[in-house]
């Protein structure tokens, strides 16, 4: 008798193979939009090579002649964490798409809600990283919630484009141990490298420390769109396999945490 799970897996792989061109087109479109923002000054240029060329140097950052004097390249700091209130809808649709193979999605977007309890002000916003410096999971507790009142009962909810890496999971476990009155829930669009043993161990440790780990279902994507995206009152049209992808990731997460 054939394994009951084998047929759906085969169909899924065939379907994913057929979507390769679509994914490649989306990656190219995101790159073009990012270049457009950089050219207009809305975002920093990407990479050290661009830093050198943009500040009087060649592609490797060496000085070049400019008229009668030599221009020395200026050392720019590495990419910093980006924060704001609402995400560009174009990037939300790409970065939060719960595909299995996340080609080109080399950032993490973290949307947060923080309820500090009685007499506190609800905080809402998002963070974005470039994976070149610190990750948004670590940056959140430095930029958004650096101080901790042990008498307050914090309720923190994250909606992230992918689940934490092993290093970030370990840091979050330590933070939860240090802040016992913090109630923490993470909704993830995708599982990051979920087949890796250290990733699985990190997620297990995070759940054991009291963090609720959930996959984003279609309703969660709609809520995030309405709450954290510059949507101009437009309704989010979910991609056709959103529910199926959610079920796929939900099964993987359940297997990891069992």
Protein backbone atom coordinates (compact mmCIF):
# COMPACT_ATOMS: atom_id res chain seq x y z
CA UNK A 1 0.00 0.00 0.00
CA UNK A 2 1.35 3.44 -0.91
CA UNK A 3 2.07 5.99 1.76
CA UNK A 4 -0.94 8.32 2.11
CA UNK A 5 1.30 11.34 2.24
CA UNK A 6 3.33 10.54 -0.86
CA UNK A 7 0.80 11.59 -3.51
CA UNK A 8 0.13 15.12 -2.17
CA UNK A 9 3.86 15.72 -1.88
CA UNK A 10 4.42 14.73 -5.50
CA UNK A 11 1.60 16.97 -6.68
CA UNK A 12 2.96 19.82 -4.61
CA UNK A 13 6.46 19.52 -6.07
CA UNK A 14 5.07 19.39 -9.60
CA UNK A 15 3.01 22.50 -8.94
CA UNK A 16 5.93 24.33 -7.40
CA UNK A 17 8.14 23.48 -10.35
CA UNK A 18 5.57 25.02 -12.65
CA UNK A 19 5.65 28.25 -10.65
CA UNK A 20 9.38 28.74 -10.95
CA UNK A 21 9.07 31.34 -13.71
CA UNK A 22 6.46 33.29 -11.74
CA UNK A 23 8.70 33.38 -8.66
CA UNK A 24 11.67 34.50 -10.76
CA UNK A 25 9.58 37.31 -12.22
CA UNK A 26 8.53 38.44 -8.74
CA UNK A 27 12.15 38.47 -7.56
CA UNK A 28 13.18 40.54 -10.58
CA UNK A 29 10.31 42.96 -10.01
CA UNK A 30 11.28 43.46 -6.36
CA UNK A 31 14.89 44.12 -7.36
CA UNK A 32 13.81 46.71 -9.90
CA UNK A 33 11.56 48.48 -7.41
CA UNK A 34 14.36 48.50 -4.82
CA UNK A 35 16.72 50.02 -7.40
CA UNK A 36 14.13 52.67 -8.14
CA UNK A 37 13.92 53.63 -4.47
CA UNK A 38 17.68 53.79 -4.18
CA UNK A 39 17.92 56.02 -7.25
CA UNK A 40 15.29 58.40 -5.86
CA UNK A 41 17.00 58.58 -2.47
CA UNK A 42 14.27 56.69 -0.62
CA UNK A 43 16.58 53.85 0.40
CA UNK A 44 20.32 53.37 0.85
CA UNK A 45 22.34 51.85 -1.99
CA UNK A 46 22.94 48.14 -1.56
CA UNK A 47 26.39 46.76 -0.80
CA UNK A 48 29.86 48.11 -0.11
CA UNK A 49 30.61 48.43 -3.84
CA UNK A 50 27.78 50.91 -4.26
CA UNK A 51 28.90 52.77 -1.16
CA UNK A 52 32.31 53.39 -2.71
CA UNK A 53 31.00 54.42 -6.12
CA UNK A 54 28.38 56.74 -4.67
CA UNK A 55 30.91 58.62 -2.58
CA UNK A 56 33.73 59.40 -4.96
CA UNK A 57 35.26 55.95 -5.30
CA UNK A 58 35.19 53.19 -7.85
CA UNK A 59 33.34 49.89 -7.41
CA UNK A 60 35.92 48.79 -4.85
CA UNK A 61 35.88 52.07 -2.93
CA UNK A 62 39.30 53.34 -4.06
CA UNK A 63 39.82 57.11 -4.60
CA UNK A 64 39.17 58.54 -8.04
CA UNK A 65 40.13 61.84 -9.62
CA UNK A 66 37.38 64.47 -9.81
CA UNK A 67 38.60 67.51 -11.76
CA UNK A 68 41.60 69.10 -10.00
CA UNK A 69 41.40 67.19 -6.71
CA UNK A 70 41.20 63.65 -5.43
CA UNK A 71 37.96 62.51 -3.79
CA UNK A 72 38.44 60.16 -0.87
CA UNK A 73 35.74 57.49 -0.44
CA UNK A 74 33.61 57.89 2.66
CA UNK A 75 33.14 54.84 4.84
CA UNK A 76 29.42 54.26 5.30
CA UNK A 77 28.04 52.26 8.20
CA UNK A 78 26.48 48.86 7.49
CA UNK A 79 22.78 48.67 6.88
CA UNK A 80 20.73 49.57 9.92
CA UNK A 81 17.35 48.32 11.02
CA UNK A 82 14.52 50.12 9.23
CA UNK A 83 11.44 51.00 11.28
CA UNK A 84 8.10 52.56 10.50
CA UNK A 85 4.35 52.44 10.94
CA UNK A 86 3.21 50.91 7.65
CA UNK A 87 4.87 48.73 5.00
CA UNK A 88 4.88 49.39 1.27
CA UNK A 89 2.13 47.11 -0.13
CA UNK A 90 4.40 45.87 -2.93
CA UNK A 91 7.01 44.59 -0.49
CA UNK A 92 4.40 43.13 1.85
CA UNK A 93 2.90 41.01 -0.92
CA UNK A 94 6.34 39.70 -1.86
CA UNK A 95 8.03 39.29 1.52
CA UNK A 96 5.04 37.81 3.36
CA UNK A 97 4.02 35.39 0.63
CA UNK A 98 4.01 31.96 2.29
CA UNK A 99 5.74 30.06 -0.50
CA UNK A 100 7.85 27.01 0.35
CA UNK A 101 10.96 28.15 -1.51
CA UNK A 102 11.59 31.79 -0.59
CA UNK A 103 13.99 32.75 -3.39
CA UNK A 104 15.03 36.41 -3.29
CA UNK A 105 13.45 37.04 0.10
CA UNK A 106 16.61 37.99 1.96
CA UNK A 107 14.98 40.30 4.49
CA UNK A 108 12.82 39.77 7.55
CA UNK A 109 9.83 42.01 8.18
CA UNK A 110 8.46 42.09 11.72
CA UNK A 111 5.12 43.72 12.49
CA UNK A 112 4.46 44.17 16.19
CA UNK A 113 1.76 44.99 18.70
CA UNK A 114 2.77 45.70 22.30
CA UNK A 115 0.18 46.03 25.06
CA UNK A 116 1.99 47.10 28.25
CA UNK A 117 -1.05 46.51 30.43
CA UNK A 118 -2.89 48.97 32.63
CA UNK A 119 -2.20 52.66 32.07
CA UNK A 120 0.05 51.82 29.11
CA UNK A 121 -0.15 52.92 25.49
CA UNK A 122 -0.55 50.29 22.79
CA UNK A 123 2.46 50.33 20.45
CA UNK A 124 2.25 49.29 16.80
CA UNK A 125 4.74 49.35 13.94
CA UNK A 126 7.19 47.31 11.92
CA UNK A 127 10.91 46.60 11.65
CA UNK A 128 12.89 45.46 8.63
CA UNK A 129 16.42 44.07 8.42
CA UNK A 130 18.92 43.32 5.66
CA UNK A 131 20.52 40.27 7.33
CA UNK A 132 23.87 42.07 7.18
CA UNK A 133 23.88 43.35 10.74
CA UNK A 134 21.57 42.36 13.57
CA UNK A 135 18.22 40.73 12.93
CA UNK A 136 14.87 42.35 13.66
CA UNK A 137 14.09 39.86 16.44
CA UNK A 138 17.06 41.10 18.45
CA UNK A 139 16.59 44.74 17.41
CA UNK A 140 12.99 44.78 18.65
CA UNK A 141 14.08 44.60 22.29
CA UNK A 142 16.63 47.37 21.74
CA UNK A 143 14.49 49.78 19.73
CA UNK A 144 10.87 49.09 20.70
CA UNK A 145 10.93 47.52 24.15
CA UNK A 146 14.34 48.29 25.70
CA UNK A 147 12.97 48.83 29.21
CA UNK A 148 11.11 46.30 31.28
CA UNK A 149 8.82 46.93 34.24
CA UNK A 150 8.48 43.65 36.17
CA UNK A 151 5.16 44.85 37.61
CA UNK A 152 3.60 45.30 34.16
CA UNK A 153 2.06 42.44 32.21
CA UNK A 154 3.23 42.88 28.66
CA UNK A 155 1.43 41.21 25.77
CA UNK A 156 3.63 41.17 22.67
CA UNK A 157 2.43 39.88 19.29
CA UNK A 158 4.62 39.56 16.23
CA UNK A 159 3.67 38.91 12.61
CA UNK A 160 6.92 38.02 10.83
CA UNK A 161 7.72 37.12 7.24
CA UNK A 162 9.76 34.11 8.42
CA UNK A 163 10.35 32.36 11.72
CA UNK A 164 13.49 33.10 13.81
CA UNK A 165 16.88 31.63 13.04
CA UNK A 166 18.63 29.49 15.67
CA UNK A 167 20.64 32.40 17.08
CA UNK A 168 17.60 34.67 17.39
CA UNK A 169 15.55 31.89 18.99
CA UNK A 170 18.27 31.42 21.62
CA UNK A 171 18.29 35.17 22.38
CA UNK A 172 14.51 35.23 22.67
CA UNK A 173 14.60 32.32 25.11
CA UNK A 174 17.01 34.27 27.34
CA UNK A 175 14.81 37.37 27.16
CA UNK A 176 11.73 35.39 28.16
CA UNK A 177 13.61 33.99 31.15
CA UNK A 178 14.61 37.51 32.19
CA UNK A 179 11.09 38.91 31.67
CA UNK A 180 8.66 36.41 33.19
CA UNK A 181 5.63 38.73 32.96
CA UNK A 182 5.93 39.01 29.18
CA UNK A 183 3.33 37.08 27.16
CA UNK A 184 4.72 36.46 23.71
CA UNK A 185 3.16 35.17 20.47
CA UNK A 186 4.85 34.87 17.07
CA UNK A 187 2.83 34.41 13.87
CA UNK A 188 5.13 33.42 10.98
CA UNK A 189 4.32 33.51 7.27
CA UNK A 190 7.03 30.93 6.52
CA UNK A 191 9.32 28.59 8.44
CA UNK A 192 12.98 29.52 8.05
CA UNK A 193 15.17 26.51 7.11
CA UNK A 194 12.83 24.25 9.05
CA UNK A 195 14.67 21.06 8.09
CA UNK A 196 17.86 22.11 9.93
CA UNK A 197 18.30 20.44 13.38
CA UNK A 198 19.53 23.63 15.08
CA UNK A 199 16.51 25.56 13.78
CA UNK A 200 14.15 22.87 15.07
CA UNK A 201 15.91 22.84 18.44
CA UNK A 202 15.62 26.63 18.65
CA UNK A 203 11.89 26.58 17.95
CA UNK A 204 11.36 23.84 20.54
CA UNK A 205 13.30 25.80 23.15
CA UNK A 206 11.31 28.93 22.32
CA UNK A 207 8.00 27.11 22.78
CA UNK A 208 9.25 25.56 26.03
CA UNK A 209 10.12 29.05 27.30
CA UNK A 210 6.47 30.07 26.93
CA UNK A 211 6.36 31.61 23.46
CA UNK A 212 3.31 30.69 21.39
CA UNK A 213 4.38 29.81 17.86
CA UNK A 214 1.76 29.99 15.12
CA UNK A 215 1.73 29.98 11.33
CA UNK A 216 -0.12 32.81 9.61
CA UNK A 217 -3.41 31.63 8.15
CA UNK A 218 -5.27 33.56 5.42
CA UNK A 219 -7.18 35.63 8.00
CA UNK A 220 -3.88 36.68 9.61
CA UNK A 221 -2.51 37.93 6.28
CA UNK A 222 -5.65 40.02 5.82
CA UNK A 223 -5.37 41.41 9.36
CA UNK A 224 -1.70 42.29 8.86
CA UNK A 225 -2.51 43.98 5.56
CA UNK A 226 -5.23 46.08 7.19
CA UNK A 227 -3.15 46.97 10.25
CA UNK A 228 0.44 47.39 9.06
CA UNK A 229 0.38 48.16 5.31
CA UNK A 230 -0.10 51.38 3.34
CA UNK A 231 -3.07 49.84 1.59
CA UNK A 232 -5.04 53.00 0.63
CA UNK A 233 -8.16 51.17 1.82
CA UNK A 234 -7.62 48.48 -0.81
CA UNK A 235 -8.62 44.92 0.07
CA UNK A 236 -5.91 42.27 0.00
CA UNK A 237 -6.39 39.64 -2.69
CA UNK A 238 -4.74 36.48 -1.37
CA UNK A 239 -2.72 34.27 -3.68
CA UNK A 240 -4.48 31.07 -4.78
CA UNK A 241 -2.40 28.62 -2.71
CA UNK A 242 -2.32 30.67 0.51
CA UNK A 243 -4.50 28.22 2.45
CA UNK A 244 -2.65 25.18 1.13
CA UNK A 245 0.73 26.68 1.98
CA UNK A 246 -0.50 27.53 5.47
CA UNK A 247 -1.57 23.92 6.01
CA UNK A 248 1.80 22.71 4.75
CA UNK A 249 3.75 24.90 7.16
CA UNK A 250 1.33 24.24 10.01
CA UNK A 251 1.98 20.51 9.66
CA UNK A 252 5.75 21.06 9.64
CA UNK A 253 5.58 23.25 12.75
CA UNK A 254 3.42 20.69 14.56
CA UNK A 255 5.93 17.97 13.73
CA UNK A 256 8.79 20.08 15.08
CA UNK A 257 7.04 20.96 18.35
CA UNK A 258 5.60 17.56 19.14
